[in-house]
Amino acid sequence: MTMERIGPPSVAGEREMLRAFLDFHRATLALKCEGLGDEELGRQSMPPSTLSLLGLVRHMAEVERTWFRRVVNGEDIPLVWSEEGDFQAAYDARGATGPEAFDAWQAEVERARAIEAAADSLDLVVHCERWGEDVSLRLVMLHLIHEYARHNGHADFLREAIDGTVGV
């Protein structure tokens, strides 16, 4: 799975800036996984953690699905990898395949982009059951940027442990 990684602009409107940073972080995760097979993608960090690059991709598919489809768009859909609604369940990717995870993630990213683009404003407010309060589309986008940035840090360490690749 490859995504073109374009550095965010230094000057832009708020919505363009948020989109650019979110897409930059999405592409960074894809880049961290590039060129690896299922065994490498599924390699766990260290016991007792089940964290792997494949698990991070699955987790971010759930995060995209939840925030854009379930919260912003109000879709009544379950998580893909957890019947109990546990986002961490996606981390355990034992037996999973790269194509399965990347296809699901890419589908959620595309759907999220369409939902965001269709919204009239970043000021769109929806109720978030998980947090028990109203949230704006702006907050959702910032939260996703935060999630990707945090997990891309994990991906740095995971990738380095697999084949020594650092940076990017």
C-alpha atoms as a PDB file:
ATOM      1  CA  MET A   1       0.000   0.000   0.000  1.00  0.00           C
ATOM      2  CA  THR A   2       1.485   3.287  -1.013  1.00  0.00           C
ATOM      3  CA  MET A   3       0.231   6.787  -0.450  1.00  0.00           C
ATOM      4  CA  GLU A   4       1.994   9.851  -1.739  1.00  0.00           C
ATOM      5  CA  ARG A   5       3.418  11.725   1.238  1.00  0.00           C
ATOM      6  CA  ILE A   6       3.318  15.456   0.652  1.00  0.00           C
ATOM      7  CA  GLY A   7       4.555  17.841   3.312  1.00  0.00           C
ATOM      8  CA  PRO A   8       1.813  20.080   4.678  1.00  0.00           C
ATOM      9  CA  PRO A   9       1.820  23.710   3.506  1.00  0.00           C
ATOM     10  CA  SER A  10       3.342  26.402   5.705  1.00  0.00           C
ATOM     11  CA  VAL A  11       0.511  28.774   4.918  1.00  0.00           C
ATOM     12  CA  ALA A  12      -3.056  27.694   4.157  1.00  0.00           C
ATOM     13  CA  GLY A  13      -6.602  27.998   5.346  1.00  0.00           C
ATOM     14  CA  GLU A  14      -7.577  26.013   8.416  1.00  0.00           C
ATOM     15  CA  ARG A  15      -9.418  23.237   6.607  1.00  0.00           C
ATOM     16  CA  GLU A  16      -6.724  22.782   3.971  1.00  0.00           C
ATOM     17  CA  MET A  17      -4.078  22.699   6.715  1.00  0.00           C
ATOM     18  CA  LEU A  18      -5.954  20.072   8.749  1.00  0.00           C
ATOM     19  CA  ARG A  19      -6.517  17.911   5.654  1.00  0.00           C
ATOM     20  CA  ALA A  20      -2.849  18.184   4.675  1.00  0.00           C
ATOM     21  CA  PHE A  21      -1.529  17.255   8.121  1.00  0.00           C
ATOM     22  CA  LEU A  22      -3.953  14.339   8.412  1.00  0.00           C
ATOM     23  CA  ASP A  23      -2.992  13.022   4.972  1.00  0.00           C
ATOM     24  CA  PHE A  24       0.706  13.497   5.769  1.00  0.00           C
ATOM     25  CA  HIS A  25       0.347  11.313   8.865  1.00  0.00           C
ATOM     26  CA  ARG A  26      -1.711   8.711   7.004  1.00  0.00           C
ATOM     27  CA  ALA A  27       1.005   8.505   4.348  1.00  0.00           C
ATOM     28  CA  THR A  28       3.693   8.273   7.022  1.00  0.00           C
ATOM     29  CA  LEU A  29       2.086   5.136   8.459  1.00  0.00           C
ATOM     30  CA  ALA A  30       1.903   3.600   4.977  1.00  0.00           C
ATOM     31  CA  LEU A  31       5.549   4.491   4.369  1.00  0.00           C
ATOM     32  CA  LYS A  32       6.611   2.814   7.622  1.00  0.00           C
ATOM     33  CA  CYS A  33       5.017  -0.410   6.355  1.00  0.00           C
ATOM     34  CA  GLU A  34       6.225  -0.204   2.780  1.00  0.00           C
ATOM     35  CA  GLY A  35       8.098  -3.189   1.385  1.00  0.00           C
ATOM     36  CA  LEU A  36       7.332  -5.561   4.272  1.00  0.00           C
ATOM     37  CA  GLY A  37       5.609  -8.943   4.069  1.00  0.00           C
ATOM     38  CA  ASP A  38       2.948 -10.326   6.391  1.00  0.00           C
ATOM     39  CA  GLU A  39       5.462 -11.911   8.768  1.00  0.00           C
ATOM     40  CA  GLU A  40       7.374  -8.654   9.204  1.00  0.00           C
ATOM     41  CA  LEU A  41       4.241  -6.523   9.448  1.00  0.00           C
ATOM     42  CA  GLY A  42       2.871  -8.851  12.106  1.00  0.00           C
ATOM     43  CA  ARG A  43       6.060  -8.995  14.188  1.00  0.00           C
ATOM     44  CA  GLN A  44       5.154  -7.994  17.737  1.00  0.00           C
ATOM     45  CA  SER A  45       7.171  -5.466  19.680  1.00  0.00           C
ATOM     46  CA  MET A  46       7.830  -7.273  22.947  1.00  0.00           C
ATOM     47  CA  PRO A  47       5.840  -9.315  25.450  1.00  0.00           C
ATOM     48  CA  PRO A  48       3.290  -8.783  26.785  1.00  0.00           C
ATOM     49  CA  SER A  49       2.430  -6.280  24.037  1.00  0.00           C
ATOM     50  CA  THR A  50       0.776  -7.565  20.869  1.00  0.00           C
ATOM     51  CA  LEU A  51       1.593  -4.297  19.065  1.00  0.00           C
ATOM     52  CA  SER A  52       2.820  -4.649  15.475  1.00  0.00           C
ATOM     53  CA  LEU A  53       2.783  -2.534  12.330  1.00  0.00           C
ATOM     54  CA  LEU A  54      -0.123  -4.627  11.078  1.00  0.00           C
ATOM     55  CA  GLY A  55      -1.904  -4.031  14.375  1.00  0.00           C
ATOM     56  CA  LEU A  56      -1.355  -0.281  14.051  1.00  0.00           C
ATOM     57  CA  VAL A  57      -2.876  -0.280  10.556  1.00  0.00           C
ATOM     58  CA  ARG A  58      -5.910  -2.207  11.843  1.00  0.00           C
ATOM     59  CA  HIS A  59      -6.213   0.108  14.850  1.00  0.00           C
ATOM     60  CA  MET A  60      -6.136   3.201  12.659  1.00  0.00           C
ATOM     61  CA  ALA A  61      -8.795   1.690  10.393  1.00  0.00           C
ATOM     62  CA  GLU A  62     -11.002   1.377  13.497  1.00  0.00           C
ATOM     63  CA  VAL A  63     -10.186   4.945  14.571  1.00  0.00           C
ATOM     64  CA  GLU A  64     -11.040   6.350  11.116  1.00  0.00           C
ATOM     65  CA  ARG A  65     -14.228   4.248  11.016  1.00  0.00           C
ATOM     66  CA  THR A  66     -15.351   5.340  14.449  1.00  0.00           C
ATOM     67  CA  TRP A  67     -14.685   9.043  14.261  1.00  0.00           C
ATOM     68  CA  PHE A  68     -15.784   9.750  10.721  1.00  0.00           C
ATOM     69  CA  ARG A  69     -18.459   7.151  10.054  1.00  0.00           C
ATOM     70  CA  ARG A  70     -19.914   6.446  13.493  1.00  0.00           C
ATOM     71  CA  VAL A  71     -19.521   9.862  15.120  1.00  0.00           C
ATOM     72  CA  VAL A  72     -19.527  12.491  12.350  1.00  0.00           C
ATOM     73  CA  ASN A  73     -21.785  10.646   9.895  1.00  0.00           C
ATOM     74  CA  GLY A  74     -23.974   8.929  12.526  1.00  0.00           C
ATOM     75  CA  GLU A  75     -23.679   5.471  10.929  1.00  0.00           C
ATOM     76  CA  ASP A  76     -24.804   2.591  13.139  1.00  0.00           C
ATOM     77  CA  ILE A  77     -21.974   0.193  12.305  1.00  0.00           C
ATOM     78  CA  PRO A  78     -19.799  -2.037  14.481  1.00  0.00           C
ATOM     79  CA  LEU A  79     -16.038  -1.986  14.708  1.00  0.00           C
ATOM     80  CA  VAL A  80     -14.346  -4.412  12.310  1.00  0.00           C
ATOM     81  CA  TRP A  81     -12.068  -6.264  14.727  1.00  0.00           C
ATOM     82  CA  SER A  82     -13.893  -5.989  18.051  1.00  0.00           C
ATOM     83  CA  GLU A  83     -17.434  -6.931  18.909  1.00  0.00           C
ATOM     84  CA  GLU A  84     -16.950  -5.307  22.338  1.00  0.00           C
ATOM     85  CA  GLY A  85     -15.861  -1.945  20.921  1.00  0.00           C
ATOM     86  CA  ASP A  86     -12.287  -2.314  22.202  1.00  0.00           C
ATOM     87  CA  PHE A  87      -9.982  -0.329  19.911  1.00  0.00           C
ATOM     88  CA  GLN A  88      -6.952  -2.133  21.339  1.00  0.00           C
ATOM     89  CA  ALA A  89      -8.282  -5.495  20.078  1.00  0.00           C
ATOM     90  CA  ALA A  90      -7.128  -4.523  16.579  1.00  0.00           C
ATOM     91  CA  TYR A  91      -3.517  -4.467  17.809  1.00  0.00           C
ATOM     92  CA  ASP A  92      -3.505  -8.250  18.088  1.00  0.00           C
ATOM     93  CA  ALA A  93      -2.995  -9.028  14.425  1.00  0.00           C
ATOM     94  CA  ARG A  94      -1.868 -12.630  14.791  1.00  0.00           C
ATOM     95  CA  GLY A  95      -3.114 -14.523  11.762  1.00  0.00           C
ATOM     96  CA  ALA A  96      -4.008 -11.309   9.916  1.00  0.00           C
ATOM     97  CA  THR A  97      -2.701 -10.411   6.486  1.00  0.00           C
ATOM     98  CA  GLY A  98      -1.362  -7.172   5.109  1.00  0.00           C
ATOM     99  CA  PRO A  99      -3.827  -7.008   2.220  1.00  0.00           C
ATOM    100  CA  GLU A 100      -6.790  -7.496   4.568  1.00  0.00           C
ATOM    101  CA  ALA A 101      -5.637  -4.748   6.941  1.00  0.00           C
ATOM    102  CA  PHE A 102      -4.510  -2.298   4.260  1.00  0.00           C
ATOM    103  CA  ASP A 103      -7.685  -2.756   2.208  1.00  0.00           C
ATOM    104  CA  ALA A 104      -9.832  -2.066   5.280  1.00  0.00           C
ATOM    105  CA  TRP A 105      -7.714   0.920   6.292  1.00  0.00           C
ATOM    106  CA  GLN A 106      -7.705   2.397   2.782  1.00  0.00           C
ATOM    107  CA  ALA A 107     -11.483   2.010   2.519  1.00  0.00           C
ATOM    108  CA  GLU A 108     -11.961   3.810   5.834  1.00  0.00           C
ATOM    109  CA  VAL A 109      -9.560   6.597   4.846  1.00  0.00           C
ATOM    110  CA  GLU A 110     -11.411   7.134   1.561  1.00  0.00           C
ATOM    111  CA  ARG A 111     -14.775   7.151   3.322  1.00  0.00           C
ATOM    112  CA  ALA A 112     -13.437   9.572   5.953  1.00  0.00           C
ATOM    113  CA  ARG A 113     -12.185  11.928   3.249  1.00  0.00           C
ATOM    114  CA  ALA A 114     -15.588  11.892   1.561  1.00  0.00           C
ATOM    115  CA  ILE A 115     -17.425  12.556   4.833  1.00  0.00           C
ATOM    116  CA  GLU A 116     -15.120  15.440   5.709  1.00  0.00           C
ATOM    117  CA  ALA A 117     -15.372  16.940   2.213  1.00  0.00           C
ATOM    118  CA  ALA A 118     -19.180  16.780   2.311  1.00  0.00           C
ATOM    119  CA  ALA A 119     -19.391  18.667   5.611  1.00  0.00           C
ATOM    120  CA  ASP A 120     -20.282  22.326   5.192  1.00  0.00           C
ATOM    121  CA  SER A 121     -17.955  23.487   7.925  1.00  0.00           C
ATOM    122  CA  LEU A 122     -15.374  22.461  10.500  1.00  0.00           C
ATOM    123  CA  ASP A 123     -17.914  23.828  12.964  1.00  0.00           C
ATOM    124  CA  LEU A 124     -20.229  20.879  12.276  1.00  0.00           C
ATOM    125  CA  VAL A 125     -21.195  19.597  15.727  1.00  0.00           C
ATOM    126  CA  VAL A 126     -22.259  16.029  16.487  1.00  0.00           C
ATOM    127  CA  HIS A 127     -22.771  14.110  19.704  1.00  0.00           C
ATOM    128  CA  CYS A 128     -20.058  11.644  20.672  1.00  0.00           C
ATOM    129  CA  GLU A 129     -21.486   8.845  22.832  1.00  0.00           C
ATOM    130  CA  ARG A 130     -18.007   7.624  23.774  1.00  0.00           C
ATOM    131  CA  TRP A 131     -17.104  10.958  25.347  1.00  0.00           C
ATOM    132  CA  GLY A 132     -20.662  11.865  26.327  1.00  0.00           C
ATOM    133  CA  GLU A 133     -20.468  15.313  24.780  1.00  0.00           C
ATOM    134  CA  ASP A 134     -20.754  17.225  21.546  1.00  0.00           C
ATOM    135  CA  VAL A 135     -17.700  17.478  19.287  1.00  0.00           C
ATOM    136  CA  SER A 136     -16.910  19.454  16.155  1.00  0.00           C
ATOM    137  CA  LEU A 137     -15.486  18.150  12.906  1.00  0.00           C
ATOM    138  CA  ARG A 138     -12.458  20.319  13.719  1.00  0.00           C
ATOM    139  CA  LEU A 139     -11.897  18.371  16.951  1.00  0.00           C
ATOM    140  CA  VAL A 140     -12.297  15.052  15.125  1.00  0.00           C
ATOM    141  CA  MET A 141      -9.657  16.008  12.575  1.00  0.00           C
ATOM    142  CA  LEU A 142      -7.286  17.231  15.280  1.00  0.00           C
ATOM    143  CA  HIS A 143      -7.870  14.048  17.260  1.00  0.00           C
ATOM    144  CA  LEU A 144      -7.022  11.910  14.211  1.00  0.00           C
ATOM    145  CA  ILE A 145      -3.834  13.915  13.636  1.00  0.00           C
ATOM    146  CA  HIS A 146      -2.922  13.278  17.285  1.00  0.00           C
ATOM    147  CA  GLU A 147      -3.676   9.547  16.970  1.00  0.00           C
ATOM    148  CA  TYR A 148      -1.570   9.165  13.836  1.00  0.00           C
ATOM    149  CA  ALA A 149       1.330  11.199  15.245  1.00  0.00           C
ATOM    150  CA  ARG A 150       1.374   9.087  18.403  1.00  0.00           C
ATOM    151  CA  HIS A 151       1.179   5.787  16.568  1.00  0.00           C
ATOM    152  CA  ASN A 152       3.660   6.818  13.886  1.00  0.00           C
ATOM    153  CA  GLY A 153       6.150   7.149  16.736  1.00  0.00           C
ATOM    154  CA  HIS A 154       5.401   3.527  17.632  1.00  0.00           C
ATOM    155  CA  ALA A 155       5.766   2.602  13.970  1.00  0.00           C
ATOM    156  CA  ASP A 156       9.248   4.177  13.940  1.00  0.00           C
ATOM    157  CA  PHE A 157      10.434   1.819  16.665  1.00  0.00           C
ATOM    158  CA  LEU A 158       8.676  -1.217  15.211  1.00  0.00           C
ATOM    159  CA  ARG A 159      10.174  -0.673  11.751  1.00  0.00           C
ATOM    160  CA  GLU A 160      13.659  -0.123  13.153  1.00  0.00           C
ATOM    161  CA  ALA A 161      13.415  -3.406  15.073  1.00  0.00           C
ATOM    162  CA  ILE A 162      12.367  -5.252  11.902  1.00  0.00           C
ATOM    163  CA  ASP A 163      15.058  -4.155   9.460  1.00  0.00           C
ATOM    164  CA  GLY A 164      16.930  -1.182  10.869  1.00  0.00           C
ATOM    165  CA  THR A 165      15.073   1.403   8.775  1.00  0.00           C
ATOM    166  CA  VAL A 166      14.913   4.732  10.595  1.00  0.00           C
ATOM    167  CA  GLY A 167      13.724   8.202   9.769  1.00  0.00           C
ATOM    168  CA  VAL A 168      11.278   9.069   7.016  1.00  0.00           C
END
